[in-house]
Each structure stands twice: as C-alpha cells, then as structure tokens.
C-alpha cells in the first residue's frame, strides 16, 4: 500500500492539478484487500460453498483466490477439459479440508451441491427439468439431471400407457434428452426419483379442463368405446373419457353393457352433464333415439288389460316389456302376482320370456313408470271363503313355508293359513315344506285376509 501511495506523492505534478479522487479510491481498495488478508482462516466453514477466482494453473493443481488470507488448491483432475479453464475465471468451490493452513477445495462437489439445491427448488415448485438418459437398471432407467445428479426413473413413470417393450424404448431414448418432474427427494441417501409420465398426465389434465370448459349440455360427439364395466361404458371423446351409465345406453332393459356395445366401437353420444372440478362427463346414447314412451298408446289408462313379456326378475317382482312397445316396461310386484299372502319370490310364479297378461294399476307417462297386477284378472278367493272356512272346520293343506314363529299352510290357490308355534308345542311332529297335513280353523279375519289354524291330530 505504501508503494502505491508513494507513486502519488512522488508524481511530478503540482498540488493544484493532483488527482485526489484517484488517490482516495486506491486507498479504499488497498484497505479492503488488507481487511481480507487479516481475516483468520478459522472463519471459513468446512463444506462451505464460496466463489473464487483462478489465479494460477499448475501441472497438478489450480490455485484459487477466495478472498481470504490463504489461497485455495483444487486438483487439476477435477477438470476433464483443461482447455476450458483459464486464469481469471470465476468458479464455485467447496471447502473440503483445512490442512496446515491450506484450503483444499473442490469445484466438482460445489457443482453437485448447487445442483442439489436447484433440485430441491424444482421439486418444491413442481418445475419441469431436462435430463439425459445415461443407463438402465433393474426396474427403470438412470437419468442425469441438472448436469451433475444421477436420478432414477421407474419403468412405471415413463408413460401413462403400459410400456410393453422396454428394450425398444430404451434404445430410442438412450443418450437423449427428455423432460421430467421430480417425484421424490431423499436427502439422507441422496436419491432422487423423476417421472416423465407426470408431464404427460399434467398435459392431459390441462387438455381435459380446456375440453370440459368448452362443452355444452346437448352437444353430440362421436366417441369410441374404451372400457366396459358392469355399471356402464367409458368412451374416449378424444383424449378425455366420459361415462355412459347402463340406464343411459338403451331404452330397453339390458343385463350388461356388453350386450349392446363392443370395445373400440364408434358410437354417437350426447353430453348429458359434466363437472369441471372433478373432470367427470356424463354421456347418453338412448337420448339420440326415439323415446318409446312418446309412442305409447294414448288411450291406455289405469284398469286396462295389457300383455307383455317378462324381461327381468328380481326378489321383489318382475319387469314386463309391453307388447308392441319395445322399451316400455312395467313393474309386476310379487304381491300382485297371487292373492296368496304367503312370502314367496317372483321366480316361483313366472320365468324370463313368459308372456303375461295383467291390469294396469298405475301409469305415470311423465315419470315413465307403469305397474301391473296379474291377480286382479282372477276373482279374489277371500271374498267367498267365510262359509267354507268356518271356525272349527277341518281342511287338508300343504306346508309351503316354515318360519321361526310358525308354518304357513296352503289350503287352496291363493288361500293360506298359519299354524303358530304355540299351537304345535304339544306335538312331537317334525313338519317340513311339502308335507300334507290336516288342519282345523281356529280363527278367521277376512278383512286382513288371515286364517289362524291348528294342527288336527
């Protein structure tokens, strides 16, 4: 500092024209340099990342000025191409060791540390990063990201679609750059998992939202059947799927969607409803076909007789397709099949494809609902049994049902009676369904269609 100051003092100039500003600037610069030299090496932390300037390039090492009392040393082997470095270059360095007053530095480890910091930032912000496929391993590929980190991409994270030929795909992408998103970072084991599939799914999601935002109820689209389930069919609308529920496939009752639809079949669908938040689209097929209820005979009314074919049987009854009106169904409840009060199933009386005749009990054209009764075509036997089944009279019957509280006995078609357990307790008989027994009428309630029987022994 004295030499530089002396240059100004000995300069052959008068004090009038002496450059006092330049003199003060040099004093400040020298003061700063002296300050750094006075800083103790103990203030440097091991593994700290600093910025330094290359001051010398030797055969085996590079000298770096990090603005401390001592310069640092980096092995020349850390630089693959020595032609890419020169004196004056500013580089990142990490303090590896402080040994006998010398700073052993690493440029490579500093780069890796910077890359990890960048990776954490990209993971936090869900950023897209670029990487190069450099190898394969069990279950996936090795990818170099952010220049200095080797990450793992599982086979399941390559593409949303199943990858049937991994070898071919690897041959195509090896040593090439791809885009990824970081799925997981394990700081303890220094592992990073990346995904290419996540990018594709994000893009598909954006396309879905855009597609849905442009949809209108009633819009007609040509779709392709993608998947068939027990409750409906999923159709591809062009990158986004919609569901056609069973009830919206056909006006006629179907047992399974595969009865009328095939995978990859192109169908015309109409948008019924959609939910932008949940990316759900409800589709319809039958709505593009004539509604059979519209053509239903306007003269039909409650009390009319009508025929139809049994197309489905449930525990509580059967569905009948009305004759000459395909797609128009009526419910035949099990209680409307027989006058009997005995608990029985519809399948005990009728079977699929049976043609039945019934009376229209209810008819709601607006709600498209109709119910039938078959027993109404026969005379109610309960209206004429008072004389036949007087109290104390004896009758032969067949056991049709056994319960915890008694047995039900069919005395004739449509007429049942019950023997309560309390009226069987004194007997040692073991009764079963189908047994023919003699009974005695203990009590009769015509209004509620009940006959209380006893066992005659």
Protein backbone atom coordinates (compact mmCIF):
# COMPACT_ATOMS: atom_id res chain seq x y z
CA UNK A 1 0.00 0.00 0.00
CA UNK A 2 2.94 2.31 0.72
CA UNK A 3 4.35 1.84 -2.77
CA UNK A 4 1.06 2.74 -4.45
CA UNK A 5 0.63 5.79 -2.22
CA UNK A 6 4.22 6.86 -2.85
CA UNK A 7 3.53 6.91 -6.58
CA UNK A 8 1.08 9.71 -5.99
CA UNK A 9 3.42 11.56 -3.60
CA UNK A 10 6.43 11.46 -5.96
CA UNK A 11 4.40 12.25 -9.05
CA UNK A 12 5.91 15.25 -10.79
CA UNK A 13 2.76 17.33 -10.61
CA UNK A 14 1.72 20.35 -8.67
CA UNK A 15 -0.76 20.07 -5.85
CA UNK A 16 -3.20 22.17 -7.89
CA UNK A 17 -3.63 19.52 -10.53
CA UNK A 18 -3.04 16.45 -8.29
CA UNK A 19 -5.86 13.79 -8.71
CA UNK A 20 -7.07 13.50 -5.14
CA UNK A 21 -10.12 11.31 -6.14
CA UNK A 22 -7.90 8.63 -7.70
CA UNK A 23 -5.66 8.75 -4.66
CA UNK A 24 -8.64 8.17 -2.29
CA UNK A 25 -10.01 5.31 -4.45
CA UNK A 26 -6.66 3.50 -4.29
CA UNK A 27 -6.58 3.95 -0.55
CA UNK A 28 -10.04 2.35 -0.22
CA UNK A 29 -9.07 -0.56 -2.49
CA UNK A 30 -5.91 -1.25 -0.51
CA UNK A 31 -7.85 -1.07 2.74
CA UNK A 32 -10.34 -3.72 1.55
CA UNK A 33 -7.57 -6.08 0.41
CA UNK A 34 -5.74 -5.68 3.73
CA UNK A 35 -9.02 -6.43 5.53
CA UNK A 36 -9.46 -9.79 3.74
CA UNK A 37 -5.84 -10.74 4.43
CA UNK A 38 -6.35 -10.11 8.10
CA UNK A 39 -9.40 -12.44 8.28
CA UNK A 40 -8.48 -15.64 10.09
CA UNK A 41 -8.74 -18.92 8.21
CA UNK A 42 -10.76 -20.23 11.16
CA UNK A 43 -13.73 -18.15 9.97
CA UNK A 44 -14.13 -20.47 6.96
CA UNK A 45 -16.50 -23.40 7.49
CA UNK A 46 -15.75 -26.83 6.13
CA UNK A 47 -18.08 -27.79 3.23
CA UNK A 48 -18.96 -24.14 2.73
CA UNK A 49 -19.52 -23.09 -0.90
CA UNK A 50 -17.70 -19.94 -1.99
CA UNK A 51 -16.95 -18.03 -5.16
CA UNK A 52 -13.29 -17.86 -6.17
CA UNK A 53 -11.03 -16.60 -8.96
CA UNK A 54 -8.43 -18.82 -10.66
CA UNK A 55 -5.01 -17.19 -10.17
CA UNK A 56 -2.65 -19.96 -11.33
CA UNK A 57 -2.90 -23.19 -13.34
CA UNK A 58 -0.12 -25.64 -12.45
CA UNK A 59 0.58 -29.19 -13.63
CA UNK A 60 -1.30 -30.93 -10.83
CA UNK A 61 -3.37 -28.24 -9.22
CA UNK A 62 -5.16 -24.97 -9.66
CA UNK A 63 -4.75 -22.04 -7.29
CA UNK A 64 -7.94 -20.14 -6.45
CA UNK A 65 -8.27 -16.82 -4.65
CA UNK A 66 -11.33 -16.89 -2.38
CA UNK A 67 -10.52 -13.52 -0.78
CA UNK A 68 -9.06 -14.94 2.40
CA UNK A 69 -5.60 -14.85 3.88
CA UNK A 70 -4.61 -18.05 2.08
CA UNK A 71 -5.42 -19.18 -1.41
CA UNK A 72 -7.12 -22.49 -2.05
CA UNK A 73 -5.99 -25.52 -4.05
CA UNK A 74 -8.06 -27.69 -6.42
CA UNK A 75 -6.77 -30.87 -8.03
CA UNK A 76 -6.37 -30.45 -11.79
CA UNK A 77 -8.06 -33.87 -12.22
CA UNK A 78 -11.43 -32.31 -11.37
CA UNK A 79 -11.43 -30.60 -14.75
CA UNK A 80 -11.91 -33.01 -17.65
CA UNK A 81 -11.04 -30.44 -20.28
CA UNK A 82 -8.24 -28.16 -19.10
CA UNK A 83 -8.67 -26.00 -22.19
CA UNK A 84 -11.99 -24.78 -20.84
CA UNK A 85 -10.38 -23.08 -17.83
CA UNK A 86 -8.08 -20.07 -17.65
CA UNK A 87 -6.63 -17.63 -15.19
CA UNK A 88 -9.21 -15.06 -14.18
CA UNK A 89 -12.19 -17.41 -14.41
CA UNK A 90 -14.66 -17.20 -11.51
CA UNK A 91 -15.81 -20.60 -10.25
CA UNK A 92 -17.77 -22.18 -7.39
CA UNK A 93 -15.70 -24.10 -4.85
CA UNK A 94 -16.48 -26.11 -1.75
CA UNK A 95 -14.11 -26.19 1.21
CA UNK A 96 -13.25 -29.86 1.64
CA UNK A 97 -10.50 -29.63 4.23
CA UNK A 98 -8.36 -27.10 6.07
CA UNK A 99 -4.93 -28.68 6.50
CA UNK A 100 -1.82 -26.94 7.93
CA UNK A 101 -3.00 -23.54 6.82
CA UNK A 102 -4.00 -24.72 3.35
CA UNK A 103 -7.50 -24.78 1.91
CA UNK A 104 -8.26 -27.92 -0.08
CA UNK A 105 -11.15 -27.05 -2.41
CA UNK A 106 -13.43 -28.91 -4.84
CA UNK A 107 -15.14 -27.45 -7.86
CA UNK A 108 -16.93 -30.71 -8.70
CA UNK A 109 -18.53 -31.09 -5.27
CA UNK A 110 -19.56 -27.44 -5.29
CA UNK A 111 -21.36 -28.03 -8.59
CA UNK A 112 -23.09 -31.10 -7.17
CA UNK A 113 -24.16 -29.15 -4.08
CA UNK A 114 -25.53 -26.36 -6.26
CA UNK A 115 -27.36 -28.94 -8.36
CA UNK A 116 -28.96 -30.44 -5.26
CA UNK A 117 -30.11 -27.03 -4.13
CA UNK A 118 -31.57 -26.46 -7.57
CA UNK A 119 -33.25 -29.89 -7.47
CA UNK A 120 -34.93 -29.11 -4.14
CA UNK A 121 -36.20 -25.84 -5.55
CA UNK A 122 -37.53 -27.58 -8.69
CA UNK A 123 -39.23 -30.23 -6.53
CA UNK A 124 -40.85 -27.61 -4.31
CA UNK A 125 -42.15 -25.58 -7.26
CA UNK A 126 -43.08 -28.64 -9.39
CA UNK A 127 -40.88 -27.35 -12.19
CA UNK A 128 -40.08 -29.17 -15.39
CA UNK A 129 -36.39 -30.08 -15.69
CA UNK A 130 -34.33 -31.55 -18.52
CA UNK A 131 -32.23 -34.69 -18.17
CA UNK A 132 -30.30 -37.18 -20.23
CA UNK A 133 -30.89 -40.95 -20.23
CA UNK A 134 -27.47 -42.42 -19.44
CA UNK A 135 -28.22 -46.00 -18.41
CA UNK A 136 -30.66 -48.63 -17.28
CA UNK A 137 -31.08 -50.55 -14.06
CA UNK A 138 -33.49 -53.03 -12.53
CA UNK A 139 -36.96 -51.56 -12.76
CA UNK A 140 -36.14 -48.44 -14.72
CA UNK A 141 -33.56 -46.02 -16.11
CA UNK A 142 -30.74 -43.79 -14.86
CA UNK A 143 -31.09 -40.14 -15.83
CA UNK A 144 -28.57 -37.32 -15.39
CA UNK A 145 -30.36 -34.15 -14.35
CA UNK A 146 -29.13 -30.65 -13.62
CA UNK A 147 -25.74 -31.67 -15.12
CA UNK A 148 -24.38 -33.38 -12.02
CA UNK A 149 -27.07 -35.57 -10.42
CA UNK A 150 -27.93 -39.15 -11.37
CA UNK A 151 -31.64 -39.80 -10.75
CA UNK A 152 -33.82 -42.90 -11.05
CA UNK A 153 -36.86 -43.08 -13.32
CA UNK A 154 -39.00 -46.20 -12.58
CA UNK A 155 -40.48 -48.01 -15.55
CA UNK A 156 -43.92 -47.15 -14.22
CA UNK A 157 -43.10 -43.43 -14.53
CA UNK A 158 -42.14 -43.42 -18.21
CA UNK A 159 -45.57 -43.14 -19.81
CA UNK A 160 -49.24 -43.27 -18.74
CA UNK A 161 -49.77 -46.09 -21.21
CA UNK A 162 -48.31 -49.52 -20.44
CA UNK A 163 -44.77 -49.95 -21.85
CA UNK A 164 -44.84 -53.40 -23.42
CA UNK A 165 -41.34 -53.30 -24.96
CA UNK A 166 -38.91 -51.67 -22.55
CA UNK A 167 -35.83 -52.63 -24.57
CA UNK A 168 -37.03 -50.89 -27.72
CA UNK A 169 -37.96 -47.75 -25.83
CA UNK A 170 -34.60 -47.66 -24.05
CA UNK A 171 -32.76 -47.97 -27.36
CA UNK A 172 -34.70 -44.99 -28.72
CA UNK A 173 -34.07 -42.65 -25.78
CA UNK A 174 -30.57 -43.69 -24.69
CA UNK A 175 -28.16 -40.73 -24.61
CA UNK A 176 -31.02 -38.39 -25.48
CA UNK A 177 -32.60 -35.58 -23.51
CA UNK A 178 -36.09 -35.78 -22.04
CA UNK A 179 -38.17 -33.62 -19.74
CA UNK A 180 -39.05 -34.71 -16.22
CA UNK A 181 -40.63 -33.75 -12.94
CA UNK A 182 -39.06 -34.67 -9.61
CA UNK A 183 -41.35 -37.02 -7.65
CA UNK A 184 -39.24 -37.67 -4.57
CA UNK A 185 -36.00 -36.50 -2.93
CA UNK A 186 -34.26 -38.49 -0.20
CA UNK A 187 -31.71 -36.18 1.40
CA UNK A 188 -30.31 -38.86 3.70
CA UNK A 189 -29.43 -41.32 0.92
CA UNK A 190 -29.04 -38.69 -1.79
CA UNK A 191 -31.64 -40.32 -4.03
CA UNK A 192 -33.92 -38.60 -6.50
CA UNK A 193 -36.86 -40.19 -8.34
CA UNK A 194 -38.08 -38.49 -11.51
CA UNK A 195 -41.06 -39.01 -13.80
CA UNK A 196 -41.73 -38.36 -17.46
CA UNK A 197 -45.25 -39.70 -17.10
CA UNK A 198 -46.15 -36.85 -14.72
CA UNK A 199 -45.56 -34.32 -17.51
CA UNK A 200 -47.83 -36.20 -19.89
CA UNK A 201 -50.52 -36.54 -17.24
CA UNK A 202 -50.30 -32.83 -16.43
CA UNK A 203 -50.73 -32.02 -20.11
CA UNK A 204 -53.67 -34.41 -20.40
CA UNK A 205 -55.21 -32.77 -17.34
CA UNK A 206 -54.86 -29.33 -18.96
CA UNK A 207 -56.46 -30.63 -22.16
CA UNK A 208 -59.29 -32.17 -20.13
CA UNK A 209 -60.04 -28.90 -18.35
CA UNK A 210 -59.95 -27.00 -21.63
CA UNK A 211 -62.16 -29.60 -23.30
CA UNK A 212 -64.69 -29.58 -20.45
CA UNK A 213 -64.76 -25.78 -20.32
CA UNK A 214 -65.92 -25.78 -23.96
CA UNK A 215 -68.61 -28.45 -23.51
CA UNK A 216 -72.31 -27.72 -23.70
CA UNK A 217 -75.18 -29.96 -22.50
CA UNK A 218 -76.85 -31.50 -25.52
CA UNK A 219 -73.66 -31.43 -27.60
CA UNK A 220 -73.36 -34.50 -29.83
CA UNK A 221 -69.94 -36.17 -30.25
CA UNK A 222 -68.63 -39.29 -31.98
CA UNK A 223 -66.84 -41.34 -29.31
CA UNK A 224 -65.04 -44.65 -29.14
CA UNK A 225 -65.91 -47.29 -26.53
CA UNK A 226 -62.77 -47.65 -24.40
CA UNK A 227 -63.82 -49.83 -21.48
CA UNK A 228 -66.93 -51.73 -20.41
CA UNK A 229 -67.89 -52.36 -16.79
CA UNK A 230 -70.89 -53.82 -15.02
CA UNK A 231 -72.35 -50.34 -14.46
CA UNK A 232 -71.66 -48.72 -17.82
CA UNK A 233 -69.21 -47.95 -20.62
CA UNK A 234 -66.33 -45.45 -20.73
CA UNK A 235 -66.00 -43.68 -24.05
CA UNK A 236 -63.00 -41.76 -25.39
CA UNK A 237 -64.06 -38.32 -26.59
CA UNK A 238 -60.59 -37.53 -27.91
CA UNK A 239 -58.17 -37.60 -25.02
CA UNK A 240 -60.78 -37.43 -22.27
CA UNK A 241 -63.22 -40.10 -21.11
CA UNK A 242 -66.92 -39.90 -20.41
CA UNK A 243 -69.25 -42.47 -18.83
CA UNK A 244 -72.44 -43.83 -20.33
CA UNK A 245 -74.34 -45.35 -17.41
CA UNK A 246 -76.35 -48.53 -18.02
CA UNK A 247 -79.60 -46.61 -17.71
CA UNK A 248 -78.49 -44.21 -20.48
CA UNK A 249 -77.41 -46.81 -23.05
CA UNK A 250 -80.77 -48.07 -24.28
CA UNK A 251 -84.47 -47.50 -23.72
CA UNK A 252 -84.73 -51.28 -23.38
CA UNK A 253 -83.52 -53.06 -20.25
CA UNK A 254 -80.06 -54.59 -20.69
CA UNK A 255 -78.35 -57.12 -18.42
CA UNK A 256 -74.85 -55.88 -19.23
CA UNK A 257 -73.44 -53.06 -21.43
CA UNK A 258 -71.53 -55.65 -23.48
CA UNK A 259 -74.91 -56.90 -24.74
CA UNK A 260 -75.14 -53.83 -26.99
CA UNK A 261 -71.64 -52.26 -27.04
CA UNK A 262 -68.22 -53.51 -28.10
CA UNK A 263 -64.70 -52.29 -27.27
CA UNK A 264 -63.36 -49.82 -29.90
CA UNK A 265 -66.84 -49.41 -31.37
CA UNK A 266 -67.60 -45.87 -32.51
CA UNK A 267 -70.87 -44.53 -31.14
CA UNK A 268 -72.76 -41.27 -31.26
CA UNK A 269 -73.20 -39.82 -27.77
CA UNK A 270 -74.78 -36.73 -26.29
CA UNK A 271 -73.42 -34.69 -23.37
CA UNK A 272 -75.91 -35.01 -20.51
CA UNK A 273 -73.93 -33.36 -17.75
CA UNK A 274 -70.36 -32.57 -16.69
CA UNK A 275 -68.41 -31.46 -13.64
CA UNK A 276 -65.45 -29.19 -14.41
CA UNK A 277 -63.97 -29.57 -10.92
CA UNK A 278 -63.96 -33.37 -10.98
CA UNK A 279 -63.39 -33.78 -14.74
CA UNK A 280 -66.45 -36.03 -15.00
CA UNK A 281 -68.61 -36.20 -18.09
CA UNK A 282 -71.95 -37.99 -18.20
CA UNK A 283 -72.93 -39.27 -21.64
CA UNK A 284 -76.10 -40.70 -23.16
CA UNK A 285 -76.80 -42.91 -26.16
CA UNK A 286 -80.50 -43.69 -25.88
CA UNK A 287 -81.33 -39.97 -25.85
CA UNK A 288 -80.46 -39.80 -29.54
CA UNK A 289 -83.06 -42.50 -30.28
CA UNK A 290 -86.86 -42.16 -30.28
CA UNK A 291 -88.31 -42.37 -26.78
CA UNK A 292 -90.73 -45.36 -26.82
CA UNK A 293 -92.88 -43.76 -24.16
CA UNK A 294 -93.79 -40.99 -26.57
CA UNK A 295 -95.37 -43.50 -28.94
CA UNK A 296 -97.21 -45.34 -26.16
CA UNK A 297 -100.93 -45.65 -26.99
CA UNK A 298 -102.55 -42.51 -25.59
CA UNK A 299 -105.78 -44.44 -24.96
CA UNK A 300 -104.13 -46.70 -22.38
CA UNK A 301 -105.29 -45.95 -18.86
CA UNK A 302 -105.43 -47.46 -15.40
CA UNK A 303 -107.64 -50.57 -15.37
CA UNK A 304 -106.86 -51.58 -18.96
CA UNK A 305 -105.73 -55.12 -19.68
CA UNK A 306 -102.36 -55.39 -21.39
CA UNK A 307 -99.89 -58.11 -22.38
CA UNK A 308 -96.12 -58.18 -22.20
CA UNK A 309 -93.01 -60.35 -22.00
CA UNK A 310 -91.05 -60.89 -18.79
CA UNK A 311 -87.56 -59.47 -19.39
CA UNK A 312 -86.15 -59.38 -15.83
CA UNK A 313 -86.91 -60.98 -12.48
CA UNK A 314 -85.89 -59.59 -9.09
CA UNK A 315 -86.58 -60.56 -5.50
CA UNK A 316 -89.46 -58.09 -5.31
CA UNK A 317 -91.07 -58.77 -8.68
CA UNK A 318 -90.61 -58.82 -12.45
CA UNK A 319 -90.25 -56.29 -15.26
CA UNK A 320 -92.55 -56.76 -18.21
CA UNK A 321 -91.93 -55.19 -21.63
CA UNK A 322 -95.27 -54.08 -23.01
CA UNK A 323 -96.38 -55.83 -26.18
CA UNK A 324 -95.80 -53.78 -29.39
CA UNK A 325 -93.95 -51.11 -27.38
CA UNK A 326 -90.24 -52.11 -27.15
CA UNK A 327 -88.53 -50.17 -24.37
CA UNK A 328 -91.69 -49.52 -22.35
CA UNK A 329 -91.57 -51.54 -19.13
CA UNK A 330 -93.99 -52.15 -16.30
CA UNK A 331 -93.29 -53.47 -12.84
CA UNK A 332 -95.16 -56.56 -11.75
CA UNK A 333 -94.68 -56.67 -7.97
CA UNK A 334 -94.63 -60.10 -6.35
CA UNK A 335 -97.63 -59.11 -4.20
CA UNK A 336 -99.64 -58.52 -7.40
CA UNK A 337 -98.98 -61.97 -8.88
CA UNK A 338 -101.09 -64.07 -6.50
CA UNK A 339 -103.79 -63.49 -3.88
CA UNK A 340 -101.75 -65.62 -1.53
CA UNK A 341 -100.25 -63.82 1.48
CA UNK A 342 -97.51 -66.39 1.72
CA UNK A 343 -93.99 -64.92 1.41
CA UNK A 344 -92.76 -66.13 -1.96
CA UNK A 345 -90.45 -64.95 -4.77
CA UNK A 346 -91.49 -63.86 -8.25
CA UNK A 347 -89.46 -66.69 -9.76
CA UNK A 348 -91.81 -69.15 -8.01
CA UNK A 349 -94.61 -67.96 -10.32
CA UNK A 350 -93.00 -66.81 -13.60
CA UNK A 351 -89.77 -67.01 -15.62
CA UNK A 352 -87.89 -64.95 -18.22
CA UNK A 353 -89.65 -64.67 -21.63
CA UNK A 354 -93.02 -65.68 -20.20
CA UNK A 355 -95.88 -63.74 -21.79
CA UNK A 356 -98.22 -62.46 -19.11
CA UNK A 357 -101.45 -60.54 -19.12
CA UNK A 358 -102.19 -58.02 -16.42
CA UNK A 359 -104.18 -54.97 -15.41
CA UNK A 360 -102.59 -51.51 -15.38
CA UNK A 361 -102.53 -50.45 -11.72
CA UNK A 362 -100.53 -47.21 -12.07
CA UNK A 363 -99.43 -45.20 -15.10
CA UNK A 364 -97.20 -42.09 -15.00
CA UNK A 365 -96.21 -41.03 -18.50
CA UNK A 366 -94.16 -38.10 -17.26
CA UNK A 367 -92.01 -40.26 -14.95
CA UNK A 368 -92.17 -43.17 -17.44
CA UNK A 369 -93.46 -45.60 -14.82
CA UNK A 370 -96.14 -48.27 -15.00
CA UNK A 371 -97.18 -51.12 -12.73
CA UNK A 372 -99.25 -54.20 -13.47
CA UNK A 373 -101.30 -56.68 -11.50
CA UNK A 374 -101.96 -60.24 -12.59
CA UNK A 375 -104.03 -61.46 -9.68
CA UNK A 376 -106.65 -58.80 -10.47
CA UNK A 377 -107.69 -60.90 -13.50
CA UNK A 378 -108.88 -63.64 -11.16
CA UNK A 379 -111.55 -63.49 -8.51
CA UNK A 380 -110.37 -62.74 -5.01
CA UNK A 381 -110.96 -66.04 -3.18
CA UNK A 382 -111.07 -64.27 0.17
CA UNK A 383 -114.40 -62.73 -0.75
CA UNK A 384 -116.18 -66.13 -0.69
CA UNK A 385 -114.44 -68.15 2.00
CA UNK A 386 -116.38 -67.26 5.09
CA UNK A 387 -118.80 -70.12 4.63
CA UNK A 388 -116.15 -72.60 3.53
CA UNK A 389 -113.64 -71.93 6.28
CA UNK A 390 -115.84 -71.58 9.33
CA UNK A 391 -114.33 -71.74 12.77
CA UNK A 392 -113.85 -75.39 13.76
CA UNK A 393 -113.96 -76.70 10.18
CA UNK A 394 -111.30 -79.23 9.14
CA UNK A 395 -109.22 -78.88 5.94
CA UNK A 396 -106.25 -80.59 4.30
CA UNK A 397 -103.38 -78.35 3.24
CA UNK A 398 -99.74 -78.30 2.08
CA UNK A 399 -96.93 -76.67 4.08
CA UNK A 400 -95.35 -74.00 1.86
CA UNK A 401 -93.17 -72.12 4.29
CA UNK A 402 -91.59 -72.69 7.72
CA UNK A 403 -90.54 -69.73 9.91
CA UNK A 404 -89.26 -69.20 13.44
CA UNK A 405 -92.75 -68.39 14.65
CA UNK A 406 -94.81 -70.96 12.77
CA UNK A 407 -95.68 -72.67 9.47
CA UNK A 408 -97.71 -71.41 6.51
CA UNK A 409 -100.19 -73.84 5.01
CA UNK A 410 -101.75 -73.50 1.54
CA UNK A 411 -105.36 -74.58 1.76
CA UNK A 412 -106.09 -73.79 -1.89
CA UNK A 413 -104.69 -71.49 -4.60
CA UNK A 414 -104.49 -68.03 -3.06
CA UNK A 415 -105.67 -69.07 0.40
CA UNK A 416 -103.07 -69.58 3.14
CA UNK A 417 -103.34 -70.11 6.86
CA UNK A 418 -100.76 -70.11 9.62
CA UNK A 419 -100.18 -72.50 12.49
CA UNK A 420 -98.37 -70.67 15.27
CA UNK A 421 -95.59 -72.41 17.19
CA UNK A 422 -97.66 -72.19 20.35
CA UNK A 423 -100.21 -74.48 18.67
CA UNK A 424 -97.50 -77.01 17.79
CA UNK A 425 -95.74 -77.20 21.15
CA UNK A 426 -97.79 -80.12 22.38
CA UNK A 427 -96.94 -82.33 19.39
CA UNK A 428 -93.81 -84.29 18.57
CA UNK A 429 -94.27 -83.98 14.81
CA UNK A 430 -91.42 -82.60 12.69
CA UNK A 431 -93.04 -80.60 9.92
CA UNK A 432 -91.36 -79.62 6.65
CA UNK A 433 -92.11 -77.83 3.38
CA UNK A 434 -94.28 -80.01 1.15
CA UNK A 435 -95.85 -82.01 3.96
CA UNK A 436 -99.61 -82.57 3.62
CA UNK A 437 -101.42 -82.14 6.92
CA UNK A 438 -104.94 -81.86 8.35
CA UNK A 439 -105.77 -78.55 9.98
CA UNK A 440 -108.59 -77.04 11.96
CA UNK A 441 -109.69 -73.39 11.61
CA UNK A 442 -109.24 -71.64 14.94
CA UNK A 443 -109.94 -68.11 13.79
CA UNK A 444 -110.52 -66.18 10.54
CA UNK A 445 -110.02 -62.47 9.72
CA UNK A 446 -111.45 -61.76 6.23
CA UNK A 447 -110.65 -58.06 6.34
CA UNK A 448 -106.92 -58.69 6.82
CA UNK A 449 -107.01 -61.99 4.89
CA UNK A 450 -105.72 -64.11 7.72
CA UNK A 451 -106.66 -67.62 8.89
CA UNK A 452 -105.37 -68.93 12.19
CA UNK A 453 -105.06 -72.72 12.02
CA UNK A 454 -104.36 -75.54 14.42
CA UNK A 455 -102.91 -78.99 13.71
CA UNK A 456 -105.50 -81.80 13.77
CA UNK A 457 -104.07 -84.98 15.24
